[in-house]
Amino acid sequence: MEATGTDEVEKLKSKFMSAWNNMKYSWVLKTKTYFSRNSPVFLLGKCYHFKTDESGEPSAVGSNFDKITTEISGNVEEFRKDFISRIWLTYREEFPQIKGSALTTDCGWGCTLRTGQMLLAQGLMLHFLGRAWVWPDALDIDNSDAESWTAHTVKKLTASFEASLTAEREPKILSNHHRPRVKRNCDDNERRNEVYHRKIISWFGDSPLAAFGLHQLIEYGKKSGKIAGDWYGPAVVAHILRKAVEEARDPELQGVTVYVAQDCTVYSSDVIDRQCSFMDSGKADTKAVIILVPVRLGGERTNTDYLEFVKGILSLEYCVGIIGGRPKQSYYFAGFQDDSLIYMDPHYCQSFVDVSIKDFPLESFHCPSPKKMSFKKMDPSCTIGFYCRTVQDFEKASEEITKMLKSSSKEKYPLFTFVKGHSRDYDFASSPLHEERDLFSEDEKKRLKRFSTEEFVLL
């Protein structure tokens, strides 16, 4: 009887925590974002203009995207499609229990893992779909969808409370979150793209079998001393993503590898070795590489001298974004306007979606609301990401970024560097291309622990 009573208390506690998380993390879509009509907007290498013949006040974009389409001539609609098409990964609840813990949600601690997932997802979208791809149904996520989400949360809070009183196992609510979409006629290319769109999202599903899902990332994080419920910094997440890609067994992923810079240095020969490594499929082509560079943009606060460099990086089409944030919160930075960064916010609690079922709903994986914040508020600790399809692309990117680093650096040393040769040529410990089953070498573990103590605490 005592055990049964304890179980009931835990269930009741879980229901109230679920309801609380939904209330706490559901406000992020309600605030409006203002964009200037007179300045270009950059989103992962693409430039958009919202100019008009008349001067006026900044326009609200976000929950009220439609408001500006009638007021501004220009390619607002293209920006809407492009932004909404990016994959958005947020807090989730009610997913399968994380191994070694009682957790079924990452609310309050998983935001940097989510922003890392978003960055990796963008790299995979470039690889499989290309930068020009947009989700055909992007504009179907309209104002009513965004407005309904918070109302849905209130319903869920009420339903959870009622369920706890009546001892029902699951709260009963009527959801308008996922409305069936009208089927469109698609050509072969569109069908192929939609298959990859769904496949990429499924790799980030919140289940133990998903290659880049939260469950797998936490398992790899254990090798650096992290457990479910801990806070993760941008550098630690970069190494976890590398391991996740290395260990992925899906044949489609054999053509992609991840390289993490060592001590703010990208060793060109190490990158090329990874690109030219043996592919399990037996193809002779080189692998595409996603390069992750953990950096600090200052000491205790972000140095504004780095603003132009960050803007330059986000202007490159092969940039896959920045894992960063403000103190105590992690965001996925994907663009900018003037001195403000455009980001996607993972601090929105959504229900678990089973991505293993056919035609699972896609709406909750696409954000209807861009957010902006001043560069000055950015925490200095971040990880920058790039995607290069071929060795030639990498060599071109390294030259372009090196020029950008030199021109933007007012200090004696650039933020990070590209160096010819291997890391071993400079007497640094380097992890071999084909490592043993232990996921992190001793040198990597030391480096990760150092990063863990240096980075900001995330909520």
Protein backbone atom coordinates (compact mmCIF):
# COMPACT_ATOMS: atom_id res chain seq x y z
CA MET A 1 0.00 0.00 0.00
CA GLU A 2 2.82 2.38 0.88
CA ALA A 3 4.54 1.73 -2.45
CA THR A 4 1.28 2.33 -4.29
CA GLY A 5 0.81 5.60 -2.46
CA THR A 6 4.33 6.70 -3.35
CA ASP A 7 3.70 5.86 -7.02
CA GLU A 8 0.54 7.95 -6.99
CA VAL A 9 2.41 10.88 -5.45
CA GLU A 10 5.11 10.62 -8.14
CA LYS A 11 2.48 10.49 -10.88
CA LEU A 12 0.72 13.53 -9.42
CA LYS A 13 4.03 15.36 -9.13
CA SER A 14 4.86 14.47 -12.74
CA LYS A 15 1.53 15.80 -13.98
CA PHE A 16 1.96 19.11 -12.17
CA MET A 17 5.57 19.45 -13.38
CA SER A 18 4.38 18.81 -16.92
CA ALA A 19 1.71 21.47 -16.59
CA TRP A 20 4.17 23.91 -15.01
CA ASN A 21 6.71 23.38 -17.78
CA ASN A 22 4.06 24.09 -20.38
CA MET A 23 3.14 27.36 -18.68
CA LYS A 24 6.74 28.40 -18.04
CA TYR A 25 8.07 27.61 -21.53
CA SER A 26 5.13 28.66 -23.70
CA TRP A 27 5.47 32.44 -23.75
CA VAL A 28 8.29 32.58 -26.28
CA LEU A 29 6.03 32.61 -29.35
CA LYS A 30 3.79 35.38 -28.09
CA THR A 31 6.17 38.32 -28.31
CA LYS A 32 6.50 40.21 -31.58
CA THR A 33 9.78 40.80 -33.34
CA TYR A 34 10.47 44.06 -35.15
CA PHE A 35 12.48 44.28 -38.37
CA SER A 36 13.68 47.50 -39.96
CA ARG A 37 12.44 48.26 -43.46
CA ASN A 38 15.66 50.00 -44.40
CA SER A 39 18.31 47.40 -43.54
CA PRO A 40 19.01 44.04 -45.20
CA VAL A 41 18.25 40.86 -43.27
CA PHE A 42 20.71 37.95 -43.49
CA LEU A 43 19.69 34.36 -42.82
CA LEU A 44 22.38 31.68 -43.12
CA GLY A 45 24.05 33.33 -46.09
CA LYS A 46 20.96 34.66 -47.84
CA CYS A 47 20.11 38.36 -47.96
CA TYR A 48 16.59 39.79 -47.90
CA HIS A 49 15.36 43.39 -48.28
CA PHE A 50 12.14 44.77 -46.83
CA LYS A 51 12.41 48.21 -48.42
CA THR A 52 9.48 50.49 -49.24
CA ASP A 53 9.21 53.81 -51.00
CA GLU A 54 7.84 55.35 -47.82
CA SER A 55 9.75 55.76 -44.59
CA GLY A 56 8.09 54.34 -41.53
CA GLU A 57 8.34 52.55 -38.27
CA PRO A 58 9.90 49.08 -37.95
CA SER A 59 7.49 46.28 -38.78
CA ALA A 60 6.48 43.41 -36.57
CA VAL A 61 7.46 39.96 -37.76
CA GLY A 62 6.75 36.68 -36.01
CA SER A 63 3.28 35.77 -34.87
CA ASN A 64 2.11 38.56 -37.19
CA PHE A 65 4.14 37.72 -40.29
CA ASP A 66 1.10 38.45 -42.46
CA LYS A 67 0.89 42.02 -41.16
CA ILE A 68 4.03 43.09 -42.99
CA THR A 69 3.36 41.32 -46.28
CA THR A 70 0.78 43.96 -47.20
CA GLU A 71 2.87 46.88 -45.95
CA ILE A 72 6.28 46.11 -47.41
CA SER A 73 7.27 45.57 -51.00
CA GLY A 74 10.18 43.20 -51.34
CA ASN A 75 10.84 39.57 -50.64
CA VAL A 76 9.25 39.23 -47.21
CA GLU A 77 7.45 36.09 -48.31
CA GLU A 78 10.73 34.50 -49.37
CA PHE A 79 12.20 35.29 -45.96
CA ARG A 80 9.14 33.75 -44.28
CA LYS A 81 9.49 30.55 -46.29
CA ASP A 82 13.22 30.36 -45.68
CA PHE A 83 13.07 30.94 -41.95
CA ILE A 84 10.14 28.61 -41.29
CA SER A 85 11.82 25.89 -43.38
CA ARG A 86 14.73 25.64 -40.92
CA ILE A 87 14.33 22.73 -38.50
CA TRP A 88 13.34 23.85 -35.00
CA LEU A 89 14.11 21.55 -32.07
CA THR A 90 12.75 22.51 -28.67
CA TYR A 91 12.13 21.21 -25.19
CA ARG A 92 9.86 18.16 -25.27
CA GLU A 93 7.95 16.28 -22.62
CA GLU A 94 6.41 12.84 -22.23
CA PHE A 95 9.08 11.15 -24.33
CA PRO A 96 10.49 7.68 -23.45
CA GLN A 97 12.41 7.68 -20.18
CA ILE A 98 16.10 8.55 -20.51
CA LYS A 99 18.32 5.61 -19.60
CA GLY A 100 19.74 5.84 -16.08
CA SER A 101 17.27 8.51 -14.96
CA ALA A 102 13.58 9.07 -14.33
CA LEU A 103 13.44 12.00 -16.76
CA THR A 104 10.89 12.13 -19.56
CA THR A 105 11.48 15.80 -20.40
CA ASP A 106 14.49 18.06 -20.99
CA CYS A 107 12.73 21.23 -19.82
CA GLY A 108 15.11 23.42 -17.85
CA TRP A 109 18.40 21.75 -18.83
CA GLY A 110 18.49 20.56 -22.46
CA CYS A 111 18.55 23.85 -24.39
CA THR A 112 22.19 23.64 -25.57
CA LEU A 113 21.67 20.08 -26.78
CA ARG A 114 18.65 21.37 -28.71
CA THR A 115 20.57 24.26 -30.29
CA GLY A 116 23.34 21.81 -31.19
CA GLN A 117 20.73 19.60 -32.84
CA MET A 118 19.46 22.58 -34.84
CA LEU A 119 22.94 23.39 -36.10
CA LEU A 120 23.57 19.77 -37.13
CA ALA A 121 20.13 19.61 -38.75
CA GLN A 122 20.99 22.65 -40.88
CA GLY A 123 24.22 20.96 -41.97
CA LEU A 124 22.29 17.85 -42.99
CA MET A 125 19.72 19.97 -44.82
CA LEU A 126 22.52 21.56 -46.85
CA HIS A 127 23.90 18.10 -47.56
CA PHE A 128 20.69 16.38 -48.65
CA LEU A 129 18.43 19.24 -49.78
CA GLY A 130 20.68 22.20 -50.62
CA ARG A 131 20.44 25.79 -49.43
CA ALA A 132 17.76 26.73 -51.97
CA TRP A 133 15.23 24.21 -50.61
CA VAL A 134 12.18 25.49 -48.75
CA TRP A 135 9.37 23.47 -47.20
CA PRO A 136 6.35 23.73 -49.55
CA ASP A 137 3.99 23.91 -46.56
CA ALA A 138 5.98 26.60 -44.73
CA LEU A 139 3.37 29.31 -45.24
CA ASP A 140 0.64 27.05 -43.86
CA ILE A 141 2.08 27.70 -40.40
CA ASP A 142 0.16 30.92 -40.02
CA ASN A 143 -0.80 33.37 -37.33
CA SER A 144 -3.63 31.20 -36.02
CA ASP A 145 -1.23 28.30 -35.41
CA ALA A 146 1.09 30.45 -33.32
CA GLU A 147 -1.74 32.05 -31.39
CA SER A 148 -3.34 28.69 -30.63
CA TRP A 149 -0.24 27.15 -29.04
CA THR A 150 -0.45 29.09 -25.79
CA ALA A 151 -4.19 28.50 -25.62
CA HIS A 152 -3.43 24.82 -26.10
CA THR A 153 -1.03 25.02 -23.15
CA VAL A 154 -3.73 26.48 -20.89
CA LYS A 155 -6.06 23.65 -21.89
CA LYS A 156 -3.32 21.17 -21.11
CA LEU A 157 -2.75 22.69 -17.66
CA THR A 158 -6.46 22.41 -16.87
CA ALA A 159 -6.68 18.89 -18.26
CA SER A 160 -3.63 17.75 -16.29
CA PHE A 161 -5.11 19.12 -13.08
CA GLU A 162 -8.46 17.42 -13.72
CA ALA A 163 -6.73 14.16 -14.63
CA SER A 164 -4.73 14.24 -11.39
CA LEU A 165 -7.95 14.59 -9.37
CA THR A 166 -9.76 11.79 -11.20
CA ALA A 167 -6.68 9.52 -11.32
CA GLU A 168 -6.88 9.29 -15.11
CA ARG A 169 -3.76 8.01 -16.73
CA GLU A 170 -3.67 10.61 -19.51
CA PRO A 171 -5.36 14.03 -19.64
CA LYS A 172 -8.04 14.39 -22.29
CA ILE A 173 -7.76 17.52 -24.39
CA LEU A 174 -8.95 18.54 -27.78
CA SER A 175 -5.93 19.64 -29.76
CA ASN A 176 -6.01 21.96 -32.72
CA HIS A 177 -2.23 21.98 -32.93
CA HIS A 178 -1.93 19.44 -35.71
CA ARG A 179 -4.54 19.96 -38.37
CA PRO A 180 -4.40 17.70 -41.42
CA ARG A 181 -2.80 19.37 -44.41
CA VAL A 182 -4.33 19.36 -47.86
CA LYS A 183 -2.49 16.94 -50.12
CA ARG A 184 -0.75 18.63 -53.06
CA ASN A 185 0.37 17.21 -56.35
CA CYS A 186 4.15 16.72 -56.22
CA ASP A 187 6.70 15.94 -58.88
CA ASP A 188 9.45 13.35 -58.36
CA ASN A 189 11.94 15.92 -57.07
CA GLU A 190 9.49 17.30 -54.52
CA ARG A 191 8.68 13.79 -53.33
CA ARG A 192 12.37 13.00 -52.98
CA ASN A 193 12.93 16.21 -51.01
CA GLU A 194 10.00 15.47 -48.72
CA VAL A 195 11.41 12.02 -47.98
CA TYR A 196 14.71 13.58 -46.90
CA HIS A 197 12.93 16.34 -44.99
CA ARG A 198 11.14 13.74 -42.87
CA LYS A 199 14.20 11.53 -42.61
CA ILE A 200 16.36 14.37 -41.26
CA ILE A 201 13.74 15.22 -38.63
CA SER A 202 13.41 11.55 -37.68
CA TRP A 203 17.15 11.38 -36.92
CA PHE A 204 16.49 13.95 -34.17
CA GLY A 205 13.46 12.21 -32.69
CA ASP A 206 13.18 11.89 -28.92
CA SER A 207 13.57 8.13 -28.77
CA PRO A 208 16.52 5.89 -27.82
CA LEU A 209 17.00 4.68 -31.41
CA ALA A 210 17.19 8.09 -33.11
CA ALA A 211 20.77 8.71 -34.29
CA PHE A 212 20.92 12.32 -33.08
CA GLY A 213 18.06 12.27 -30.60
CA LEU A 214 18.41 13.52 -27.05
CA HIS A 215 18.76 9.98 -25.68
CA GLN A 216 21.79 9.20 -27.85
CA LEU A 217 23.46 12.57 -27.25
CA ILE A 218 23.18 12.07 -23.49
CA GLU A 219 24.80 8.63 -23.80
CA TYR A 220 27.78 10.18 -25.61
CA GLY A 221 27.89 12.99 -23.06
CA LYS A 222 28.41 10.46 -20.27
CA LYS A 223 31.91 9.89 -21.63
CA SER A 224 32.74 13.48 -20.70
CA GLY A 225 31.20 13.19 -17.24
CA LYS A 226 27.76 14.56 -18.14
CA ILE A 227 24.44 12.93 -17.25
CA ALA A 228 20.79 13.67 -18.05
CA GLY A 229 19.72 16.79 -16.18
CA ASP A 230 23.18 18.39 -16.29
CA TRP A 231 23.86 21.63 -18.15
CA TYR A 232 25.88 21.38 -21.35
CA GLY A 233 28.07 24.09 -22.86
CA PRO A 234 28.56 24.81 -26.60
CA ALA A 235 32.03 23.22 -26.77
CA VAL A 236 30.96 20.00 -25.03
CA VAL A 237 27.97 19.75 -27.37
CA ALA A 238 30.28 20.17 -30.38
CA HIS A 239 32.26 17.07 -29.34
CA ILE A 240 29.07 15.14 -28.58
CA LEU A 241 27.75 15.91 -32.07
CA ARG A 242 30.99 14.69 -33.62
CA LYS A 243 30.72 11.41 -31.77
CA ALA A 244 27.07 11.02 -32.70
CA VAL A 245 27.84 11.42 -36.41
CA GLU A 246 30.81 9.03 -36.17
CA GLU A 247 28.66 6.38 -34.52
CA ALA A 248 25.62 6.79 -36.80
CA ARG A 249 24.92 3.59 -38.71
CA ASP A 250 22.37 4.81 -41.27
CA PRO A 251 23.96 4.31 -44.75
CA GLU A 252 22.72 7.77 -45.75
CA LEU A 253 24.98 9.31 -43.10
CA GLN A 254 28.19 7.61 -44.22
CA GLY A 255 28.92 10.52 -46.53
CA VAL A 256 29.10 13.09 -43.71
CA THR A 257 31.71 13.64 -41.03
CA VAL A 258 32.23 16.24 -38.29
CA TYR A 259 35.50 17.94 -37.31
CA VAL A 260 35.89 19.92 -34.08
CA ALA A 261 38.64 22.54 -33.94
CA GLN A 262 41.33 22.04 -31.31
CA ASP A 263 42.10 25.04 -29.12
CA CYS A 264 40.65 27.48 -31.68
CA THR A 265 42.72 25.95 -34.49
CA VAL A 266 41.47 24.12 -37.59
CA TYR A 267 44.21 21.81 -38.91
CA SER A 268 43.58 21.56 -42.64
CA SER A 269 45.20 18.16 -43.18
CA ASP A 270 43.15 16.66 -40.33
CA VAL A 271 39.96 17.97 -41.97
CA ILE A 272 40.94 16.62 -45.40
CA ASP A 273 41.87 13.25 -43.87
CA ARG A 274 38.38 13.02 -42.45
CA GLN A 275 36.86 13.92 -45.82
CA CYS A 276 38.96 11.32 -47.61
CA SER A 277 38.44 8.54 -45.07
CA PHE A 278 37.05 5.23 -46.21
CA MET A 279 33.30 5.25 -46.72
CA ASP A 280 31.40 2.12 -45.66
CA SER A 281 29.32 2.26 -48.82
CA GLY A 282 32.46 1.74 -50.90
CA LYS A 283 32.03 4.96 -52.89
CA ALA A 284 35.17 6.74 -54.00
CA ASP A 285 33.77 10.20 -53.33
CA THR A 286 35.03 12.24 -50.41
CA LYS A 287 32.84 12.93 -47.41
CA ALA A 288 31.19 16.24 -46.72
CA VAL A 289 32.42 17.82 -43.48
CA ILE A 290 30.70 19.92 -40.84
CA ILE A 291 33.37 21.99 -39.06
CA LEU A 292 32.61 23.08 -35.50
CA VAL A 293 34.74 25.78 -33.88
CA PRO A 294 34.22 26.43 -30.14
CA VAL A 295 35.33 30.01 -29.37
CA ARG A 296 34.98 32.77 -26.81
CA LEU A 297 34.03 36.22 -28.05
CA GLY A 298 35.61 37.96 -25.09
CA GLY A 299 36.17 37.52 -21.38
CA GLU A 300 33.27 37.91 -18.95
CA ARG A 301 31.28 39.78 -21.61
CA THR A 302 31.18 39.65 -25.38
CA ASN A 303 33.68 41.99 -27.02
CA THR A 304 31.75 44.15 -29.51
CA ASP A 305 34.85 44.21 -31.76
CA TYR A 306 33.79 40.72 -32.86
CA LEU A 307 30.39 41.89 -34.14
CA GLU A 308 31.50 42.41 -37.74
CA PHE A 309 33.15 39.01 -37.83
CA VAL A 310 30.02 37.25 -36.51
CA LYS A 311 27.93 39.10 -39.09
CA GLY A 312 30.41 38.11 -41.78
CA ILE A 313 30.20 34.45 -40.75
CA LEU A 314 26.39 34.45 -40.82
CA SER A 315 26.56 36.00 -44.32
CA LEU A 316 28.24 32.86 -45.71
CA GLU A 317 25.99 30.27 -47.36
CA TYR A 318 28.07 27.43 -45.96
CA CYS A 319 27.60 28.70 -42.41
CA VAL A 320 25.22 26.39 -40.53
CA GLY A 321 24.72 28.75 -37.62
CA ILE A 322 26.05 29.36 -34.13
CA ILE A 323 25.36 27.49 -30.89
CA GLY A 324 25.32 30.32 -28.40
CA GLY A 325 22.90 32.38 -26.40
CA ARG A 326 22.77 34.89 -23.62
CA PRO A 327 23.84 34.09 -20.04
CA LYS A 328 21.75 31.21 -18.68
CA GLN A 329 19.97 30.56 -22.01
CA SER A 330 21.11 28.86 -25.21
CA TYR A 331 19.88 29.99 -28.64
CA TYR A 332 20.54 28.90 -32.21
CA PHE A 333 21.79 31.99 -34.08
CA ALA A 334 21.00 31.89 -37.79
CA GLY A 335 21.14 35.48 -39.04
CA PHE A 336 21.20 39.19 -38.25
CA GLN A 337 19.89 42.63 -39.07
CA ASP A 338 22.03 45.64 -38.21
CA ASP A 339 23.52 44.90 -34.76
CA SER A 340 20.88 42.36 -33.73
CA LEU A 341 21.13 38.59 -34.10
CA ILE A 342 18.24 36.48 -35.40
CA TYR A 343 17.73 33.22 -33.57
CA MET A 344 15.49 30.25 -32.90
CA ASP A 345 14.61 29.62 -29.28
CA PRO A 346 14.48 26.05 -27.89
CA HIS A 347 12.78 27.21 -24.67
CA TYR A 348 9.31 26.14 -25.75
CA CYS A 349 7.92 22.95 -24.26
CA GLN A 350 6.11 20.72 -26.74
CA SER A 351 4.71 17.22 -26.50
CA PHE A 352 6.60 14.19 -27.71
CA VAL A 353 6.09 13.31 -31.38
CA ASP A 354 6.63 9.72 -32.46
CA VAL A 355 8.70 10.18 -35.63
CA SER A 356 8.63 6.45 -36.37
CA ILE A 357 5.03 6.56 -37.55
CA LYS A 358 4.20 7.28 -41.18
CA ASP A 359 3.32 10.89 -41.96
CA PHE A 360 4.06 12.13 -38.43
CA PRO A 361 3.07 15.81 -38.01
CA LEU A 362 5.82 18.22 -39.05
CA GLU A 363 4.42 21.53 -37.78
CA SER A 364 6.05 21.44 -34.35
CA PHE A 365 9.49 21.07 -35.98
CA HIS A 366 9.23 24.42 -37.78
CA CYS A 367 9.27 27.75 -35.97
CA PRO A 368 6.71 30.40 -37.00
CA SER A 369 8.43 33.22 -35.10
CA PRO A 370 11.92 34.65 -35.67
CA LYS A 371 13.46 36.32 -32.63
CA LYS A 372 16.08 39.06 -32.37
CA MET A 373 18.47 40.20 -29.66
CA SER A 374 21.28 42.71 -29.44
CA PHE A 375 24.76 41.32 -30.09
CA LYS A 376 25.87 42.99 -26.85
CA LYS A 377 23.67 40.59 -24.86
CA MET A 378 25.29 37.50 -26.38
CA ASP A 379 27.29 35.27 -24.03
CA PRO A 380 30.93 35.06 -25.20
CA SER A 381 30.97 31.24 -25.20
CA CYS A 382 29.73 29.76 -28.47
CA THR A 383 30.38 27.24 -31.24
CA ILE A 384 30.44 28.29 -34.90
CA GLY A 385 29.53 25.78 -37.62
CA PHE A 386 30.36 25.43 -41.34
CA TYR A 387 29.46 22.87 -43.99
CA CYS A 388 31.79 21.93 -46.87
CA ARG A 389 30.65 19.34 -49.42
CA THR A 390 34.05 18.69 -51.02
CA VAL A 391 37.76 19.18 -50.28
CA GLN A 392 37.75 22.03 -52.79
CA ASP A 393 34.85 23.66 -50.94
CA PHE A 394 36.80 23.36 -47.67
CA GLU A 395 39.93 24.92 -49.16
CA LYS A 396 37.89 27.79 -50.61
CA ALA A 397 36.04 28.30 -47.32
CA SER A 398 39.24 28.30 -45.26
CA GLU A 399 40.76 30.98 -47.50
CA GLU A 400 37.64 33.14 -47.35
CA ILE A 401 37.23 32.82 -43.59
CA THR A 402 40.94 33.46 -42.99
CA LYS A 403 40.68 36.77 -44.87
CA MET A 404 37.60 37.63 -42.83
CA LEU A 405 39.41 36.78 -39.57
CA LYS A 406 42.38 38.99 -40.46
CA SER A 407 40.29 41.97 -41.54
CA SER A 408 37.97 41.81 -38.53
CA SER A 409 40.60 41.25 -35.85
CA LYS A 410 41.62 44.37 -33.97
CA GLU A 411 43.56 42.21 -31.55
CA LYS A 412 46.98 40.73 -32.14
CA TYR A 413 45.49 37.27 -32.59
CA PRO A 414 42.40 36.26 -34.60
CA LEU A 415 39.43 34.51 -32.99
CA PHE A 416 40.55 31.19 -34.49
CA THR A 417 42.92 30.09 -37.24
CA PHE A 418 43.30 27.66 -40.13
CA VAL A 419 46.70 25.98 -40.12
CA LYS A 420 48.18 23.75 -42.82
CA GLY A 421 49.27 20.28 -41.74
CA HIS A 422 48.13 17.92 -39.01
CA SER A 423 47.75 18.69 -35.33
CA ARG A 424 50.43 16.08 -34.59
CA ASP A 425 52.90 18.19 -36.60
CA TYR A 426 52.59 20.84 -33.90
CA ASP A 427 53.20 18.43 -31.00
CA PHE A 428 49.58 18.43 -29.91
CA ALA A 429 47.85 15.21 -28.97
CA SER A 430 45.50 14.24 -31.76
CA SER A 431 42.81 11.64 -31.79
CA PRO A 432 43.20 9.08 -34.59
CA LEU A 433 40.70 8.95 -37.42
CA HIS A 434 39.51 5.49 -36.49
CA GLU A 435 39.32 5.43 -32.72
CA GLU A 436 38.79 2.55 -30.35
CA ARG A 437 35.34 1.84 -29.02
CA ASP A 438 35.93 4.28 -26.15
CA LEU A 439 34.17 7.35 -27.49
CA PHE A 440 36.58 9.97 -26.13
CA SER A 441 40.35 9.78 -25.86
CA GLU A 442 41.96 10.77 -22.56
CA ASP A 443 43.10 14.07 -24.11
CA GLU A 444 39.56 14.79 -25.29
CA LYS A 445 38.13 14.03 -21.85
CA LYS A 446 40.53 16.53 -20.24
CA ARG A 447 39.63 19.15 -22.83
CA LEU A 448 35.90 18.57 -22.36
CA LYS A 449 36.17 18.84 -18.58
CA ARG A 450 38.04 22.13 -18.98
CA PHE A 451 35.31 23.44 -21.29
CA SER A 452 32.66 22.29 -18.82
CA THR A 453 34.10 24.44 -16.05
CA GLU A 454 34.65 27.49 -18.27
CA GLU A 455 31.28 27.76 -19.92
CA PHE A 456 28.13 29.46 -18.73
CA VAL A 457 25.43 27.63 -16.83
CA LEU A 458 22.34 27.06 -18.95
CA LEU A 459 18.73 26.78 -17.87
